[in-house]
Amino acid sequence: MSKKKIFAITGICLIGGLFVTYTAWSFYRETQHKKLPVLGQIENFQLYDEQGRDFSLNRLEGDIWVANFFFTTCGDICPVMSRNMAALHRTFVMMDDVAFVSITVNPEMDFSGVLKSYAEKFNADTDKWHFLTGPRAKIQELAVKSFKLGSIDEPIFHSPKFALVDRHGLVRGYYDGVQSGEVSQLFKDVALLLKEK
């Protein structure tokens, strides 16, 4: 092999190595210095899970969690949101301090047994992905006052948004649960919060 070829290959390898190093360093620097904003506080609530057990904010103490509002008979955005939530759930299922919460906005139909069947449909580990129901007024109050999602005036209200909540019950981000790019960003932001104390 001629000296020119060796020089060219060496140069290409050096440039490629520099590019990879710079890209990795840029990503590291971005994640080290990025801090998610605080967008609200989740107030304590009292609902029921898919087993019919009491469920309050205390059950999520110390966890980073992702929440959404849905209903089991929705044929529009809910199935897509639930599939995306299931993908996130599978990704973080080994993390003891990451949880997921899906709250029905149609509690008259979505009682605990229905939610249990829905959870099974998505292979949910219900120790880490909780499906909640309860009195309509309490769900509306939670959605509108704490999560700032939906409207009290809509009979069956729900939003396409996923909400990211930190270990202290603070909302740190909203993401469109049907857009793959935003769900990918949510994955990254969960990882960011895992670094926070």
C-alpha atoms as a PDB file:
ATOM      1  CA  MET A   1       0.000   0.000   0.000  1.00  0.00           C
ATOM      2  CA  SER A   2       1.365   3.399  -0.960  1.00  0.00           C
ATOM      3  CA  LYS A   3       2.163   6.124   1.541  1.00  0.00           C
ATOM      4  CA  LYS A   4      -0.565   8.325   0.018  1.00  0.00           C
ATOM      5  CA  LYS A   5      -3.229   5.674   0.655  1.00  0.00           C
ATOM      6  CA  ILE A   6      -2.032   5.103   4.215  1.00  0.00           C
ATOM      7  CA  PHE A   7      -2.067   8.865   4.818  1.00  0.00           C
ATOM      8  CA  ALA A   8      -5.598   9.187   3.352  1.00  0.00           C
ATOM      9  CA  ILE A   9      -6.986   6.290   5.417  1.00  0.00           C
ATOM     10  CA  THR A  10      -5.348   7.657   8.567  1.00  0.00           C
ATOM     11  CA  GLY A  11      -6.831  11.092   7.874  1.00  0.00           C
ATOM     12  CA  ILE A  12     -10.327   9.668   7.334  1.00  0.00           C
ATOM     13  CA  CYS A  13     -10.085   7.643  10.550  1.00  0.00           C
ATOM     14  CA  LEU A  14      -8.948  10.696  12.491  1.00  0.00           C
ATOM     15  CA  ILE A  15     -11.766  12.856  11.132  1.00  0.00           C
ATOM     16  CA  GLY A  16     -14.326  10.120  11.839  1.00  0.00           C
ATOM     17  CA  GLY A  17     -12.986   9.649  15.357  1.00  0.00           C
ATOM     18  CA  LEU A  18     -13.115  13.397  16.011  1.00  0.00           C
ATOM     19  CA  PHE A  19     -16.699  13.557  14.728  1.00  0.00           C
ATOM     20  CA  VAL A  20     -17.851  10.685  16.981  1.00  0.00           C
ATOM     21  CA  THR A  21     -16.023  12.180  19.972  1.00  0.00           C
ATOM     22  CA  TYR A  22     -17.535  15.631  19.368  1.00  0.00           C
ATOM     23  CA  THR A  23     -21.060  14.182  18.972  1.00  0.00           C
ATOM     24  CA  ALA A  24     -20.777  12.146  22.185  1.00  0.00           C
ATOM     25  CA  TRP A  25     -19.320  15.131  24.068  1.00  0.00           C
ATOM     26  CA  SER A  26     -22.122  17.429  22.802  1.00  0.00           C
ATOM     27  CA  PHE A  27     -24.812  14.977  23.916  1.00  0.00           C
ATOM     28  CA  TYR A  28     -23.132  14.546  27.309  1.00  0.00           C
ATOM     29  CA  ARG A  29     -22.819  18.315  27.782  1.00  0.00           C
ATOM     30  CA  GLU A  30     -26.454  18.876  26.786  1.00  0.00           C
ATOM     31  CA  THR A  31     -27.771  16.276  29.211  1.00  0.00           C
ATOM     32  CA  GLN A  32     -25.487  17.487  32.010  1.00  0.00           C
ATOM     33  CA  HIS A  33     -26.631  21.096  31.825  1.00  0.00           C
ATOM     34  CA  LYS A  34     -30.244  20.678  30.761  1.00  0.00           C
ATOM     35  CA  LYS A  35     -32.695  21.117  33.594  1.00  0.00           C
ATOM     36  CA  LEU A  36     -36.373  20.514  33.046  1.00  0.00           C
ATOM     37  CA  PRO A  37     -38.699  23.336  34.141  1.00  0.00           C
ATOM     38  CA  VAL A  38     -41.189  23.013  36.989  1.00  0.00           C
ATOM     39  CA  LEU A  39     -44.675  23.405  35.483  1.00  0.00           C
ATOM     40  CA  GLY A  40     -46.919  22.618  38.434  1.00  0.00           C
ATOM     41  CA  GLN A  41     -47.528  20.572  41.573  1.00  0.00           C
ATOM     42  CA  ILE A  42     -49.685  17.448  41.798  1.00  0.00           C
ATOM     43  CA  GLU A  43     -51.989  17.697  44.799  1.00  0.00           C
ATOM     44  CA  ASN A  44     -52.782  14.582  46.807  1.00  0.00           C
ATOM     45  CA  PHE A  45     -55.659  12.504  45.412  1.00  0.00           C
ATOM     46  CA  GLN A  46     -57.666   9.449  46.398  1.00  0.00           C
ATOM     47  CA  LEU A  47     -58.646   7.017  43.622  1.00  0.00           C
ATOM     48  CA  TYR A  48     -58.750   3.219  43.110  1.00  0.00           C
ATOM     49  CA  ASP A  49     -56.471   0.982  41.086  1.00  0.00           C
ATOM     50  CA  GLU A  50     -57.275  -1.932  38.763  1.00  0.00           C
ATOM     51  CA  GLN A  51     -57.429  -4.243  41.807  1.00  0.00           C
ATOM     52  CA  GLY A  52     -59.962  -2.000  43.571  1.00  0.00           C
ATOM     53  CA  ARG A  53     -57.373  -0.884  46.149  1.00  0.00           C
ATOM     54  CA  ASP A  54     -57.067   2.676  47.428  1.00  0.00           C
ATOM     55  CA  PHE A  55     -54.479   4.648  45.506  1.00  0.00           C
ATOM     56  CA  SER A  56     -53.122   8.048  46.469  1.00  0.00           C
ATOM     57  CA  LEU A  57     -50.122  10.198  45.642  1.00  0.00           C
ATOM     58  CA  ASN A  58     -48.286   8.532  48.551  1.00  0.00           C
ATOM     59  CA  ARG A  59     -48.025   5.317  46.489  1.00  0.00           C
ATOM     60  CA  LEU A  60     -45.791   7.228  44.063  1.00  0.00           C
ATOM     61  CA  GLU A  61     -43.581   8.868  46.663  1.00  0.00           C
ATOM     62  CA  GLY A  62     -39.950   8.879  45.551  1.00  0.00           C
ATOM     63  CA  ASP A  63     -40.834   7.741  42.013  1.00  0.00           C
ATOM     64  CA  ILE A  64     -40.499   9.470  38.682  1.00  0.00           C
ATOM     65  CA  TRP A  65     -43.757   8.839  36.867  1.00  0.00           C
ATOM     66  CA  VAL A  66     -45.568   9.401  33.604  1.00  0.00           C
ATOM     67  CA  ALA A  67     -49.327   9.982  33.640  1.00  0.00           C
ATOM     68  CA  ASN A  68     -52.052  10.128  31.036  1.00  0.00           C
ATOM     69  CA  PHE A  69     -55.847  10.327  30.886  1.00  0.00           C
ATOM     70  CA  PHE A  70     -57.758   7.873  28.705  1.00  0.00           C
ATOM     71  CA  PHE A  71     -60.794   5.605  28.581  1.00  0.00           C
ATOM     72  CA  THR A  72     -60.959   1.963  27.578  1.00  0.00           C
ATOM     73  CA  THR A  73     -63.652   2.282  24.887  1.00  0.00           C
ATOM     74  CA  CYS A  74     -61.937   5.173  23.098  1.00  0.00           C
ATOM     75  CA  GLY A  75     -61.358   4.334  19.445  1.00  0.00           C
ATOM     76  CA  ASP A  76     -59.418   7.468  18.592  1.00  0.00           C
ATOM     77  CA  ILE A  77     -56.140   8.461  20.266  1.00  0.00           C
ATOM     78  CA  CYS A  78     -56.274   6.259  23.381  1.00  0.00           C
ATOM     79  CA  PRO A  79     -55.068   3.011  21.766  1.00  0.00           C
ATOM     80  CA  VAL A  80     -52.053   4.827  20.289  1.00  0.00           C
ATOM     81  CA  MET A  81     -51.316   6.508  23.617  1.00  0.00           C
ATOM     82  CA  SER A  82     -51.595   3.196  25.454  1.00  0.00           C
ATOM     83  CA  ARG A  83     -49.244   1.473  22.992  1.00  0.00           C
ATOM     84  CA  ASN A  84     -46.703   4.274  23.444  1.00  0.00           C
ATOM     85  CA  MET A  85     -47.108   4.114  27.224  1.00  0.00           C
ATOM     86  CA  ALA A  86     -46.586   0.338  27.031  1.00  0.00           C
ATOM     87  CA  ALA A  87     -43.347   0.859  25.070  1.00  0.00           C
ATOM     88  CA  LEU A  88     -42.072   3.290  27.712  1.00  0.00           C
ATOM     89  CA  HIS A  89     -43.176   0.893  30.453  1.00  0.00           C
ATOM     90  CA  ARG A  90     -41.215  -1.972  28.863  1.00  0.00           C
ATOM     91  CA  THR A  91     -38.138   0.254  28.588  1.00  0.00           C
ATOM     92  CA  PHE A  92     -38.143   1.199  32.270  1.00  0.00           C
ATOM     93  CA  VAL A  93     -39.710  -1.934  33.783  1.00  0.00           C
ATOM     94  CA  MET A  94     -36.445  -2.868  35.534  1.00  0.00           C
ATOM     95  CA  MET A  95     -36.166   0.547  37.191  1.00  0.00           C
ATOM     96  CA  ASP A  96     -37.702   0.418  40.670  1.00  0.00           C
ATOM     97  CA  ASP A  97     -38.203   4.189  40.828  1.00  0.00           C
ATOM     98  CA  VAL A  98     -40.018   4.746  37.506  1.00  0.00           C
ATOM     99  CA  ALA A  99     -43.798   4.292  37.362  1.00  0.00           C
ATOM    100  CA  PHE A 100     -46.667   4.887  34.958  1.00  0.00           C
ATOM    101  CA  VAL A 101     -50.218   5.981  35.726  1.00  0.00           C
ATOM    102  CA  SER A 102     -53.210   5.835  33.383  1.00  0.00           C
ATOM    103  CA  ILE A 103     -56.371   7.471  34.736  1.00  0.00           C
ATOM    104  CA  THR A 104     -59.750   6.856  33.149  1.00  0.00           C
ATOM    105  CA  VAL A 105     -62.000   9.794  32.314  1.00  0.00           C
ATOM    106  CA  ASN A 106     -65.013   7.486  31.966  1.00  0.00           C
ATOM    107  CA  PRO A 107     -65.284   6.005  35.471  1.00  0.00           C
ATOM    108  CA  GLU A 108     -68.943   5.010  35.046  1.00  0.00           C
ATOM    109  CA  MET A 109     -67.782   2.375  32.514  1.00  0.00           C
ATOM    110  CA  ASP A 110     -64.167   1.844  33.538  1.00  0.00           C
ATOM    111  CA  PHE A 111     -64.478   0.264  36.966  1.00  0.00           C
ATOM    112  CA  SER A 112     -61.578  -1.729  38.415  1.00  0.00           C
ATOM    113  CA  GLY A 113     -62.343  -5.037  36.659  1.00  0.00           C
ATOM    114  CA  VAL A 114     -62.450  -3.340  33.248  1.00  0.00           C
ATOM    115  CA  LEU A 115     -59.149  -1.608  33.953  1.00  0.00           C
ATOM    116  CA  LYS A 116     -57.593  -4.908  35.004  1.00  0.00           C
ATOM    117  CA  SER A 117     -58.537  -6.469  31.656  1.00  0.00           C
ATOM    118  CA  TYR A 118     -57.212  -3.407  29.833  1.00  0.00           C
ATOM    119  CA  ALA A 119     -53.904  -3.666  31.720  1.00  0.00           C
ATOM    120  CA  GLU A 120     -53.593  -7.333  30.722  1.00  0.00           C
ATOM    121  CA  LYS A 121     -54.159  -6.379  27.070  1.00  0.00           C
ATOM    122  CA  PHE A 122     -50.987  -4.263  27.222  1.00  0.00           C
ATOM    123  CA  ASN A 123     -48.994  -6.761  29.330  1.00  0.00           C
ATOM    124  CA  ALA A 124     -48.703  -4.183  32.090  1.00  0.00           C
ATOM    125  CA  ASP A 125     -46.826  -4.954  35.280  1.00  0.00           C
ATOM    126  CA  THR A 126     -49.415  -3.354  37.553  1.00  0.00           C
ATOM    127  CA  ASP A 127     -46.875  -2.941  40.337  1.00  0.00           C
ATOM    128  CA  LYS A 128     -45.325  -0.270  38.100  1.00  0.00           C
ATOM    129  CA  TRP A 129     -48.079   0.744  35.664  1.00  0.00           C
ATOM    130  CA  HIS A 130     -51.209   1.707  37.578  1.00  0.00           C
ATOM    131  CA  PHE A 131     -54.686   2.051  36.053  1.00  0.00           C
ATOM    132  CA  LEU A 132     -56.904   4.299  38.143  1.00  0.00           C
ATOM    133  CA  THR A 133     -60.592   5.082  38.462  1.00  0.00           C
ATOM    134  CA  GLY A 134     -62.816   6.797  40.999  1.00  0.00           C
ATOM    135  CA  PRO A 135     -65.545   9.419  41.319  1.00  0.00           C
ATOM    136  CA  ARG A 136     -65.837  11.597  38.221  1.00  0.00           C
ATOM    137  CA  ALA A 137     -65.568  14.820  40.226  1.00  0.00           C
ATOM    138  CA  LYS A 138     -62.248  13.737  41.751  1.00  0.00           C
ATOM    139  CA  ILE A 139     -60.826  12.729  38.367  1.00  0.00           C
ATOM    140  CA  GLN A 140     -61.907  16.015  36.802  1.00  0.00           C
ATOM    141  CA  GLU A 141     -60.386  17.985  39.643  1.00  0.00           C
ATOM    142  CA  LEU A 142     -57.111  16.069  39.350  1.00  0.00           C
ATOM    143  CA  ALA A 143     -56.939  16.488  35.565  1.00  0.00           C
ATOM    144  CA  VAL A 144     -57.825  20.160  35.456  1.00  0.00           C
ATOM    145  CA  LYS A 145     -56.395  21.589  38.684  1.00  0.00           C
ATOM    146  CA  SER A 146     -53.258  19.484  39.197  1.00  0.00           C
ATOM    147  CA  PHE A 147     -52.307  18.337  35.696  1.00  0.00           C
ATOM    148  CA  LYS A 148     -53.803  21.375  33.869  1.00  0.00           C
ATOM    149  CA  LEU A 149     -55.229  19.015  31.226  1.00  0.00           C
ATOM    150  CA  GLY A 150     -58.733  18.728  29.830  1.00  0.00           C
ATOM    151  CA  SER A 151     -61.777  20.780  30.712  1.00  0.00           C
ATOM    152  CA  ILE A 152     -64.338  20.495  33.493  1.00  0.00           C
ATOM    153  CA  ASP A 153     -67.065  21.360  30.957  1.00  0.00           C
ATOM    154  CA  GLU A 154     -66.510  18.337  28.722  1.00  0.00           C
ATOM    155  CA  PRO A 155     -68.534  15.236  29.714  1.00  0.00           C
ATOM    156  CA  ILE A 156     -65.723  12.890  28.656  1.00  0.00           C
ATOM    157  CA  PHE A 157     -62.569  14.983  28.613  1.00  0.00           C
ATOM    158  CA  HIS A 158     -59.092  13.847  27.907  1.00  0.00           C
ATOM    159  CA  SER A 159     -55.912  15.132  26.409  1.00  0.00           C
ATOM    160  CA  PRO A 160     -53.327  13.494  24.142  1.00  0.00           C
ATOM    161  CA  LYS A 161     -50.629  14.686  26.529  1.00  0.00           C
ATOM    162  CA  PHE A 162     -48.393  12.595  28.736  1.00  0.00           C
ATOM    163  CA  ALA A 163     -47.245  14.393  31.878  1.00  0.00           C
ATOM    164  CA  LEU A 164     -43.832  13.740  33.407  1.00  0.00           C
ATOM    165  CA  VAL A 165     -43.775  14.048  37.206  1.00  0.00           C
ATOM    166  CA  ASP A 166     -40.645  14.020  39.354  1.00  0.00           C
ATOM    167  CA  ARG A 167     -39.933  12.406  42.731  1.00  0.00           C
ATOM    168  CA  HIS A 168     -41.448  15.404  44.543  1.00  0.00           C
ATOM    169  CA  GLY A 169     -44.779  15.425  42.692  1.00  0.00           C
ATOM    170  CA  LEU A 170     -43.753  18.314  40.429  1.00  0.00           C
ATOM    171  CA  VAL A 171     -44.825  18.304  36.768  1.00  0.00           C
ATOM    172  CA  ARG A 172     -41.658  18.663  34.679  1.00  0.00           C
ATOM    173  CA  GLY A 173     -42.953  18.252  31.136  1.00  0.00           C
ATOM    174  CA  TYR A 174     -45.836  17.591  28.751  1.00  0.00           C
ATOM    175  CA  TYR A 175     -45.500  15.440  25.641  1.00  0.00           C
ATOM    176  CA  ASP A 176     -47.894  14.534  22.841  1.00  0.00           C
ATOM    177  CA  GLY A 177     -48.576  10.861  23.495  1.00  0.00           C
ATOM    178  CA  VAL A 178     -49.345  10.069  19.850  1.00  0.00           C
ATOM    179  CA  GLN A 179     -46.222  11.676  18.350  1.00  0.00           C
ATOM    180  CA  SER A 180     -43.229   9.341  18.269  1.00  0.00           C
ATOM    181  CA  GLY A 181     -40.724  12.210  18.373  1.00  0.00           C
ATOM    182  CA  GLU A 182     -42.241  13.598  21.573  1.00  0.00           C
ATOM    183  CA  VAL A 183     -42.424  10.139  23.143  1.00  0.00           C
ATOM    184  CA  SER A 184     -38.707   9.728  22.349  1.00  0.00           C
ATOM    185  CA  GLN A 185     -38.028  13.057  24.051  1.00  0.00           C
ATOM    186  CA  LEU A 186     -40.020  11.882  27.063  1.00  0.00           C
ATOM    187  CA  PHE A 187     -37.768   8.807  27.269  1.00  0.00           C
ATOM    188  CA  LYS A 188     -34.708  11.090  27.362  1.00  0.00           C
ATOM    189  CA  ASP A 189     -36.278  13.375  29.967  1.00  0.00           C
ATOM    190  CA  VAL A 190     -37.108  10.446  32.264  1.00  0.00           C
ATOM    191  CA  ALA A 191     -33.412   9.552  32.054  1.00  0.00           C
ATOM    192  CA  LEU A 192     -32.528  13.156  32.955  1.00  0.00           C
ATOM    193  CA  LEU A 193     -34.775  13.083  36.021  1.00  0.00           C
ATOM    194  CA  LEU A 194     -33.208   9.818  37.159  1.00  0.00           C
ATOM    195  CA  LYS A 195     -29.979  11.787  37.615  1.00  0.00           C
ATOM    196  CA  GLU A 196     -31.660  14.381  39.838  1.00  0.00           C
ATOM    197  CA  LYS A 197     -31.710  13.864  43.584  1.00  0.00           C
END
